[in-house]
Amino acid sequence: MSDCIKTRLVDHPIDYHEAMERLEQLAQRNSKPENSYPYPITEREQILIRLYSYWELGMTPQRFYQKWDITPEDIALICSCSTQTVNGWFNTSRRCYPPTPGHLRHLAIMDFLLEDFETIPKELLERLFSKEVRMKNLE
């Protein structure tokens, strides 16, 4: 990255339907460059970054626990935290830190995977879960 700071994203939410319509228009006329790293940040990428940045994806540990027959150890594994941290989220008698937006997002993504795993295209699953594919993308 150069010494200058790149500024191009507008710091406000974007309407989902407008964004999707614009992404469809862009997809019809743009082709993605092959292996020319770093990829340029075009209007397409700017829209996707803004959509992701304002995405309020989250599920509380309490809701996840009610929905799935799961242990605090499982929730800790999903959220990359300790079992003590998870137990604190459920303990109302003492003051503990609440789950972070990152924890809530992990639980929501896991809920999505548990619900909809079979509907996710195999190529996408391979990209998500295959270490070899992720490492190849870094080269």
N, C-alpha and C. Protein backbone atom coordinates (compact mmCIF):
# COMPACT_ATOMS: atom_id res chain seq x y z
N MET A 1 0.85 -1.18 0.00
CA MET A 1 0.00 0.00 0.00
C MET A 1 0.89 1.24 0.00
N SER A 2 0.48 2.25 -0.70
CA SER A 2 1.29 3.46 -0.79
C SER A 2 1.24 4.24 0.52
N ASP A 3 2.10 5.27 0.60
CA ASP A 3 2.16 6.09 1.81
C ASP A 3 0.91 6.93 2.00
N CYS A 4 0.23 7.25 0.93
CA CYS A 4 -0.97 8.06 1.08
C CYS A 4 -2.15 7.19 1.50
N ILE A 5 -3.06 7.79 2.23
CA ILE A 5 -4.24 7.06 2.68
C ILE A 5 -5.30 7.16 1.61
N LYS A 6 -5.83 6.02 1.21
CA LYS A 6 -6.85 5.99 0.18
C LYS A 6 -8.21 6.27 0.83
N THR A 7 -8.91 7.23 0.29
CA THR A 7 -10.26 7.51 0.79
C THR A 7 -11.21 7.46 -0.39
N ARG A 8 -12.16 6.56 -0.31
CA ARG A 8 -13.13 6.48 -1.38
C ARG A 8 -14.49 5.98 -0.91
N LEU A 9 -14.57 5.43 0.29
CA LEU A 9 -15.83 4.91 0.77
C LEU A 9 -16.61 5.99 1.51
N VAL A 10 -17.90 6.03 1.26
CA VAL A 10 -18.77 6.96 1.95
C VAL A 10 -19.21 6.29 3.23
N ASP A 11 -19.16 7.02 4.34
CA ASP A 11 -19.44 6.44 5.66
C ASP A 11 -20.91 6.57 6.04
N HIS A 12 -21.76 5.90 5.30
CA HIS A 12 -23.17 5.83 5.67
C HIS A 12 -23.76 4.55 5.09
N PRO A 13 -24.85 4.07 5.71
CA PRO A 13 -25.45 2.82 5.24
C PRO A 13 -25.89 2.92 3.78
N ILE A 14 -26.00 1.77 3.17
CA ILE A 14 -26.42 1.70 1.78
C ILE A 14 -27.69 0.85 1.73
N ASP A 15 -28.63 1.24 0.90
CA ASP A 15 -29.87 0.49 0.76
C ASP A 15 -29.59 -0.84 0.07
N TYR A 16 -30.03 -1.92 0.69
CA TYR A 16 -29.76 -3.27 0.18
C TYR A 16 -30.28 -3.45 -1.24
N HIS A 17 -31.54 -3.08 -1.49
CA HIS A 17 -32.14 -3.31 -2.81
C HIS A 17 -31.46 -2.48 -3.90
N GLU A 18 -31.15 -1.23 -3.58
CA GLU A 18 -30.43 -0.40 -4.54
C GLU A 18 -29.05 -0.98 -4.81
N ALA A 19 -28.38 -1.43 -3.77
CA ALA A 19 -27.05 -2.00 -3.92
C ALA A 19 -27.09 -3.25 -4.79
N MET A 20 -28.04 -4.12 -4.55
CA MET A 20 -28.13 -5.36 -5.32
C MET A 20 -28.45 -5.07 -6.79
N GLU A 21 -29.32 -4.10 -7.01
CA GLU A 21 -29.65 -3.72 -8.39
C GLU A 21 -28.40 -3.18 -9.10
N ARG A 22 -27.65 -2.35 -8.42
CA ARG A 22 -26.43 -1.79 -9.01
C ARG A 22 -25.39 -2.88 -9.24
N LEU A 23 -25.25 -3.82 -8.32
CA LEU A 23 -24.30 -4.92 -8.49
C LEU A 23 -24.66 -5.78 -9.69
N GLU A 24 -25.96 -5.99 -9.92
CA GLU A 24 -26.40 -6.74 -11.11
C GLU A 24 -25.99 -6.01 -12.38
N GLN A 25 -26.21 -4.69 -12.41
CA GLN A 25 -25.82 -3.89 -13.58
C GLN A 25 -24.32 -4.00 -13.82
N LEU A 26 -23.55 -3.87 -12.77
CA LEU A 26 -22.09 -3.94 -12.91
C LEU A 26 -21.63 -5.31 -13.37
N ALA A 27 -22.27 -6.36 -12.90
CA ALA A 27 -21.88 -7.73 -13.26
C ALA A 27 -22.10 -7.99 -14.75
N GLN A 28 -23.10 -7.34 -15.33
CA GLN A 28 -23.40 -7.55 -16.74
C GLN A 28 -22.34 -6.95 -17.66
N ARG A 29 -21.63 -5.94 -17.19
CA ARG A 29 -20.68 -5.29 -18.09
C ARG A 29 -19.23 -5.38 -17.66
N ASN A 30 -18.97 -5.87 -16.47
CA ASN A 30 -17.59 -5.93 -15.98
C ASN A 30 -17.12 -7.37 -15.86
N SER A 31 -15.87 -7.56 -16.20
CA SER A 31 -15.25 -8.86 -15.96
C SER A 31 -14.14 -8.67 -14.93
N LYS A 32 -13.96 -9.65 -14.08
CA LYS A 32 -12.96 -9.58 -13.01
C LYS A 32 -11.58 -9.90 -13.57
N PRO A 33 -10.59 -9.08 -13.26
CA PRO A 33 -9.24 -9.37 -13.74
C PRO A 33 -8.70 -10.65 -13.11
N GLU A 34 -7.92 -11.38 -13.88
CA GLU A 34 -7.38 -12.64 -13.39
C GLU A 34 -6.00 -12.43 -12.77
N ASN A 35 -5.87 -12.77 -11.50
CA ASN A 35 -4.59 -12.77 -10.79
C ASN A 35 -3.75 -11.51 -10.98
N SER A 36 -4.36 -10.37 -11.03
CA SER A 36 -3.58 -9.13 -11.07
C SER A 36 -3.68 -8.48 -9.70
N TYR A 37 -2.83 -8.95 -8.80
CA TYR A 37 -2.88 -8.49 -7.42
C TYR A 37 -2.10 -7.19 -7.26
N PRO A 38 -2.50 -6.30 -6.44
CA PRO A 38 -3.77 -6.36 -5.72
C PRO A 38 -4.93 -5.99 -6.65
N TYR A 39 -6.08 -6.60 -6.37
CA TYR A 39 -7.27 -6.27 -7.16
C TYR A 39 -7.63 -4.81 -6.93
N PRO A 40 -8.06 -4.12 -7.98
CA PRO A 40 -8.48 -2.73 -7.79
C PRO A 40 -9.81 -2.68 -7.03
N ILE A 41 -10.01 -1.61 -6.29
CA ILE A 41 -11.28 -1.40 -5.60
C ILE A 41 -12.15 -0.55 -6.52
N THR A 42 -13.06 -1.22 -7.19
CA THR A 42 -13.96 -0.56 -8.13
C THR A 42 -15.28 -0.25 -7.42
N GLU A 43 -16.22 0.27 -8.17
CA GLU A 43 -17.54 0.56 -7.59
C GLU A 43 -18.16 -0.71 -6.99
N ARG A 44 -17.97 -1.85 -7.65
CA ARG A 44 -18.49 -3.13 -7.15
C ARG A 44 -17.97 -3.41 -5.75
N GLU A 45 -16.66 -3.33 -5.57
CA GLU A 45 -16.05 -3.62 -4.28
C GLU A 45 -16.47 -2.60 -3.23
N GLN A 46 -16.59 -1.34 -3.62
CA GLN A 46 -17.03 -0.31 -2.68
C GLN A 46 -18.44 -0.61 -2.17
N ILE A 47 -19.33 -1.02 -3.06
CA ILE A 47 -20.70 -1.36 -2.65
C ILE A 47 -20.67 -2.55 -1.70
N LEU A 48 -19.90 -3.58 -2.03
CA LEU A 48 -19.83 -4.77 -1.18
C LEU A 48 -19.24 -4.46 0.19
N ILE A 49 -18.22 -3.61 0.23
CA ILE A 49 -17.62 -3.23 1.51
C ILE A 49 -18.64 -2.48 2.36
N ARG A 50 -19.38 -1.57 1.75
CA ARG A 50 -20.40 -0.82 2.50
C ARG A 50 -21.52 -1.73 2.98
N LEU A 51 -21.97 -2.65 2.13
CA LEU A 51 -23.01 -3.60 2.56
C LEU A 51 -22.52 -4.40 3.77
N TYR A 52 -21.31 -4.93 3.68
CA TYR A 52 -20.76 -5.74 4.77
C TYR A 52 -20.57 -4.91 6.03
N SER A 53 -20.09 -3.69 5.89
CA SER A 53 -19.79 -2.84 7.05
C SER A 53 -21.03 -2.51 7.88
N TYR A 54 -22.16 -2.40 7.23
CA TYR A 54 -23.39 -2.05 7.94
C TYR A 54 -24.31 -3.25 8.14
N TRP A 55 -23.79 -4.43 7.90
CA TRP A 55 -24.53 -5.67 8.05
C TRP A 55 -24.68 -5.95 9.54
N GLU A 56 -25.89 -5.96 10.02
CA GLU A 56 -26.13 -6.18 11.44
C GLU A 56 -26.48 -7.65 11.69
N LEU A 57 -25.58 -8.52 11.33
CA LEU A 57 -25.78 -9.94 11.50
C LEU A 57 -25.37 -10.32 12.91
N GLY A 58 -26.27 -10.90 13.65
CA GLY A 58 -25.94 -11.31 15.00
C GLY A 58 -27.02 -12.18 15.60
N MET A 59 -26.63 -13.05 16.51
CA MET A 59 -27.55 -13.90 17.25
C MET A 59 -27.02 -14.00 18.67
N THR A 60 -27.88 -13.78 19.64
CA THR A 60 -27.43 -13.83 21.03
C THR A 60 -27.12 -15.26 21.44
N PRO A 61 -26.22 -15.43 22.40
CA PRO A 61 -25.94 -16.78 22.90
C PRO A 61 -27.20 -17.43 23.48
N GLN A 62 -28.04 -16.63 24.13
CA GLN A 62 -29.27 -17.18 24.71
C GLN A 62 -30.19 -17.74 23.62
N ARG A 63 -30.34 -17.00 22.53
CA ARG A 63 -31.20 -17.46 21.43
C ARG A 63 -30.59 -18.70 20.77
N PHE A 64 -29.29 -18.70 20.57
CA PHE A 64 -28.62 -19.84 19.96
C PHE A 64 -28.79 -21.08 20.84
N TYR A 65 -28.62 -20.91 22.14
CA TYR A 65 -28.75 -22.00 23.10
C TYR A 65 -30.18 -22.55 23.12
N GLN A 66 -31.17 -21.65 23.00
CA GLN A 66 -32.57 -22.09 22.96
C GLN A 66 -32.87 -22.87 21.69
N LYS A 67 -32.27 -22.47 20.61
CA LYS A 67 -32.57 -23.07 19.30
C LYS A 67 -31.87 -24.41 19.10
N TRP A 68 -30.65 -24.55 19.59
CA TRP A 68 -29.85 -25.74 19.34
C TRP A 68 -29.50 -26.43 20.66
N ASP A 69 -29.47 -27.77 20.64
CA ASP A 69 -29.11 -28.57 21.81
C ASP A 69 -27.58 -28.58 21.90
N ILE A 70 -27.03 -27.55 22.51
CA ILE A 70 -25.60 -27.29 22.46
C ILE A 70 -25.09 -26.99 23.86
N THR A 71 -23.81 -27.18 24.08
CA THR A 71 -23.21 -26.93 25.39
C THR A 71 -22.47 -25.58 25.39
N PRO A 72 -22.19 -25.05 26.57
CA PRO A 72 -21.36 -23.83 26.63
C PRO A 72 -19.98 -24.05 25.99
N GLU A 73 -19.45 -25.26 26.08
CA GLU A 73 -18.16 -25.56 25.45
C GLU A 73 -18.25 -25.43 23.93
N ASP A 74 -19.38 -25.88 23.37
CA ASP A 74 -19.58 -25.74 21.92
C ASP A 74 -19.66 -24.27 21.52
N ILE A 75 -20.39 -23.48 22.30
CA ILE A 75 -20.51 -22.05 22.01
C ILE A 75 -19.14 -21.39 22.11
N ALA A 76 -18.35 -21.78 23.11
CA ALA A 76 -17.00 -21.22 23.25
C ALA A 76 -16.14 -21.55 22.02
N LEU A 77 -16.26 -22.77 21.52
CA LEU A 77 -15.51 -23.17 20.33
C LEU A 77 -15.94 -22.34 19.13
N ILE A 78 -17.23 -22.16 18.95
CA ILE A 78 -17.76 -21.36 17.83
C ILE A 78 -17.28 -19.92 17.91
N CYS A 79 -17.28 -19.36 19.12
CA CYS A 79 -16.97 -17.94 19.32
C CYS A 79 -15.49 -17.67 19.57
N SER A 80 -14.67 -18.71 19.58
CA SER A 80 -13.23 -18.56 19.85
C SER A 80 -12.97 -17.83 21.16
N CYS A 81 -13.62 -18.32 22.20
CA CYS A 81 -13.42 -17.73 23.53
C CYS A 81 -13.44 -18.85 24.56
N SER A 82 -13.29 -18.51 25.82
CA SER A 82 -13.26 -19.52 26.87
C SER A 82 -14.68 -19.90 27.31
N THR A 83 -14.77 -21.08 27.90
CA THR A 83 -16.05 -21.52 28.46
C THR A 83 -16.47 -20.59 29.59
N GLN A 84 -15.51 -20.08 30.35
CA GLN A 84 -15.83 -19.15 31.43
C GLN A 84 -16.50 -17.89 30.88
N THR A 85 -16.01 -17.41 29.75
CA THR A 85 -16.62 -16.24 29.12
C THR A 85 -18.06 -16.54 28.75
N VAL A 86 -18.29 -17.69 28.13
CA VAL A 86 -19.66 -18.07 27.73
C VAL A 86 -20.54 -18.21 28.96
N ASN A 87 -20.04 -18.87 30.00
CA ASN A 87 -20.84 -19.01 31.23
C ASN A 87 -21.21 -17.65 31.81
N GLY A 88 -20.30 -16.69 31.69
CA GLY A 88 -20.58 -15.34 32.17
C GLY A 88 -21.74 -14.69 31.43
N TRP A 89 -21.89 -15.00 30.15
CA TRP A 89 -23.00 -14.43 29.38
C TRP A 89 -24.35 -14.91 29.90
N PHE A 90 -24.37 -16.10 30.48
CA PHE A 90 -25.62 -16.68 30.98
C PHE A 90 -25.83 -16.42 32.46
N ASN A 91 -24.82 -15.92 33.16
CA ASN A 91 -24.90 -15.70 34.60
C ASN A 91 -25.40 -14.28 34.87
N THR A 92 -26.60 -14.18 35.43
CA THR A 92 -27.18 -12.86 35.68
C THR A 92 -26.84 -12.32 37.06
N SER A 93 -26.24 -13.15 37.92
CA SER A 93 -25.96 -12.72 39.29
C SER A 93 -24.67 -11.92 39.42
N ARG A 94 -23.79 -12.00 38.44
CA ARG A 94 -22.55 -11.23 38.52
C ARG A 94 -22.37 -10.42 37.24
N ARG A 95 -21.58 -9.38 37.37
CA ARG A 95 -21.35 -8.50 36.22
C ARG A 95 -20.26 -9.09 35.34
N CYS A 96 -20.61 -9.39 34.13
CA CYS A 96 -19.66 -9.93 33.16
C CYS A 96 -19.75 -9.11 31.89
N TYR A 97 -18.72 -9.22 31.10
CA TYR A 97 -18.74 -8.54 29.81
C TYR A 97 -19.76 -9.21 28.90
N PRO A 98 -20.55 -8.42 28.19
CA PRO A 98 -21.50 -9.01 27.24
C PRO A 98 -20.74 -9.54 26.02
N PRO A 99 -21.39 -10.38 25.23
CA PRO A 99 -20.74 -10.84 24.00
C PRO A 99 -20.47 -9.66 23.07
N THR A 100 -19.39 -9.74 22.36
CA THR A 100 -19.03 -8.68 21.41
C THR A 100 -19.82 -8.86 20.11
N PRO A 101 -19.85 -7.84 19.26
CA PRO A 101 -20.48 -8.03 17.95
C PRO A 101 -19.85 -9.19 17.17
N GLY A 102 -18.55 -9.42 17.37
CA GLY A 102 -17.89 -10.56 16.71
C GLY A 102 -18.44 -11.89 17.19
N HIS A 103 -18.67 -12.02 18.49
CA HIS A 103 -19.27 -13.25 19.03
C HIS A 103 -20.67 -13.46 18.44
N LEU A 104 -21.46 -12.39 18.41
CA LEU A 104 -22.82 -12.48 17.89
C LEU A 104 -22.82 -12.86 16.42
N ARG A 105 -21.85 -12.35 15.68
CA ARG A 105 -21.75 -12.67 14.26
C ARG A 105 -21.36 -14.14 14.07
N HIS A 106 -20.41 -14.63 14.87
CA HIS A 106 -20.03 -16.05 14.79
C HIS A 106 -21.25 -16.95 15.02
N LEU A 107 -22.05 -16.63 16.01
CA LEU A 107 -23.23 -17.45 16.31
C LEU A 107 -24.24 -17.38 15.17
N ALA A 108 -24.43 -16.22 14.59
CA ALA A 108 -25.38 -16.09 13.48
C ALA A 108 -24.90 -16.87 12.26
N ILE A 109 -23.61 -16.81 11.97
CA ILE A 109 -23.08 -17.55 10.83
C ILE A 109 -23.19 -19.05 11.08
N MET A 110 -22.89 -19.50 12.31
CA MET A 110 -23.02 -20.92 12.63
C MET A 110 -24.47 -21.36 12.52
N ASP A 111 -25.40 -20.53 12.98
CA ASP A 111 -26.83 -20.84 12.86
C ASP A 111 -27.20 -20.99 11.39
N PHE A 112 -26.71 -20.09 10.55
CA PHE A 112 -26.97 -20.18 9.11
C PHE A 112 -26.42 -21.48 8.55
N LEU A 113 -25.19 -21.84 8.90
CA LEU A 113 -24.60 -23.08 8.40
C LEU A 113 -25.38 -24.30 8.86
N LEU A 114 -25.78 -24.31 10.13
CA LEU A 114 -26.55 -25.45 10.66
C LEU A 114 -27.91 -25.57 9.96
N GLU A 115 -28.52 -24.44 9.66
CA GLU A 115 -29.84 -24.43 9.01
C GLU A 115 -29.76 -24.74 7.52
N ASP A 116 -28.78 -24.16 6.84
CA ASP A 116 -28.81 -24.13 5.38
C ASP A 116 -27.62 -24.78 4.70
N PHE A 117 -26.86 -25.58 5.41
CA PHE A 117 -25.65 -26.19 4.87
C PHE A 117 -25.89 -26.86 3.52
N GLU A 118 -26.95 -27.63 3.41
CA GLU A 118 -27.21 -28.41 2.19
C GLU A 118 -27.52 -27.53 0.97
N THR A 119 -27.93 -26.30 1.19
CA THR A 119 -28.28 -25.43 0.07
C THR A 119 -27.09 -24.61 -0.44
N ILE A 120 -25.97 -24.67 0.26
CA ILE A 120 -24.80 -23.88 -0.13
C ILE A 120 -24.05 -24.64 -1.23
N PRO A 121 -23.77 -23.97 -2.35
CA PRO A 121 -23.06 -24.66 -3.45
C PRO A 121 -21.72 -25.23 -2.98
N LYS A 122 -21.40 -26.41 -3.50
CA LYS A 122 -20.19 -27.12 -3.11
C LYS A 122 -18.93 -26.28 -3.33
N GLU A 123 -18.88 -25.52 -4.43
CA GLU A 123 -17.71 -24.70 -4.72
C GLU A 123 -17.49 -23.64 -3.64
N LEU A 124 -18.59 -23.08 -3.13
CA LEU A 124 -18.48 -22.08 -2.07
C LEU A 124 -18.03 -22.72 -0.77
N LEU A 125 -18.57 -23.89 -0.45
CA LEU A 125 -18.14 -24.60 0.76
C LEU A 125 -16.65 -24.91 0.70
N GLU A 126 -16.19 -25.33 -0.47
CA GLU A 126 -14.76 -25.64 -0.61
C GLU A 126 -13.92 -24.39 -0.39
N ARG A 127 -14.40 -23.28 -0.90
CA ARG A 127 -13.66 -22.02 -0.70
C ARG A 127 -13.65 -21.61 0.75
N LEU A 128 -14.75 -21.84 1.45
CA LEU A 128 -14.85 -21.46 2.86
C LEU A 128 -14.02 -22.37 3.77
N PHE A 129 -14.05 -23.66 3.50
CA PHE A 129 -13.49 -24.62 4.45
C PHE A 129 -12.17 -25.25 4.05
N SER A 130 -11.77 -25.14 2.81
CA SER A 130 -10.55 -25.80 2.36
C SER A 130 -9.34 -24.91 2.59
N LYS A 131 -8.43 -25.38 3.42
CA LYS A 131 -7.21 -24.62 3.71
C LYS A 131 -6.38 -24.44 2.44
N GLU A 132 -6.34 -25.45 1.58
CA GLU A 132 -5.55 -25.38 0.36
C GLU A 132 -6.04 -24.25 -0.54
N VAL A 133 -7.36 -24.12 -0.67
CA VAL A 133 -7.92 -23.07 -1.52
C VAL A 133 -7.60 -21.70 -0.94
N ARG A 134 -7.75 -21.54 0.38
CA ARG A 134 -7.45 -20.26 1.02
C ARG A 134 -5.98 -19.90 0.86
N MET A 135 -5.10 -20.88 1.02
CA MET A 135 -3.67 -20.62 0.90
C MET A 135 -3.31 -20.26 -0.55
N LYS A 136 -3.95 -20.92 -1.51
CA LYS A 136 -3.69 -20.64 -2.92
C LYS A 136 -4.08 -19.20 -3.25
N ASN A 137 -5.18 -18.71 -2.66
CA ASN A 137 -5.62 -17.35 -2.91
C ASN A 137 -4.66 -16.31 -2.35
N LEU A 138 -3.81 -16.70 -1.42
CA LEU A 138 -2.84 -15.77 -0.83
C LEU A 138 -1.57 -15.66 -1.67
N GLU A 139 -1.35 -16.62 -2.55
CA GLU A 139 -0.12 -16.63 -3.36
C GLU A 139 -0.14 -15.55 -4.41
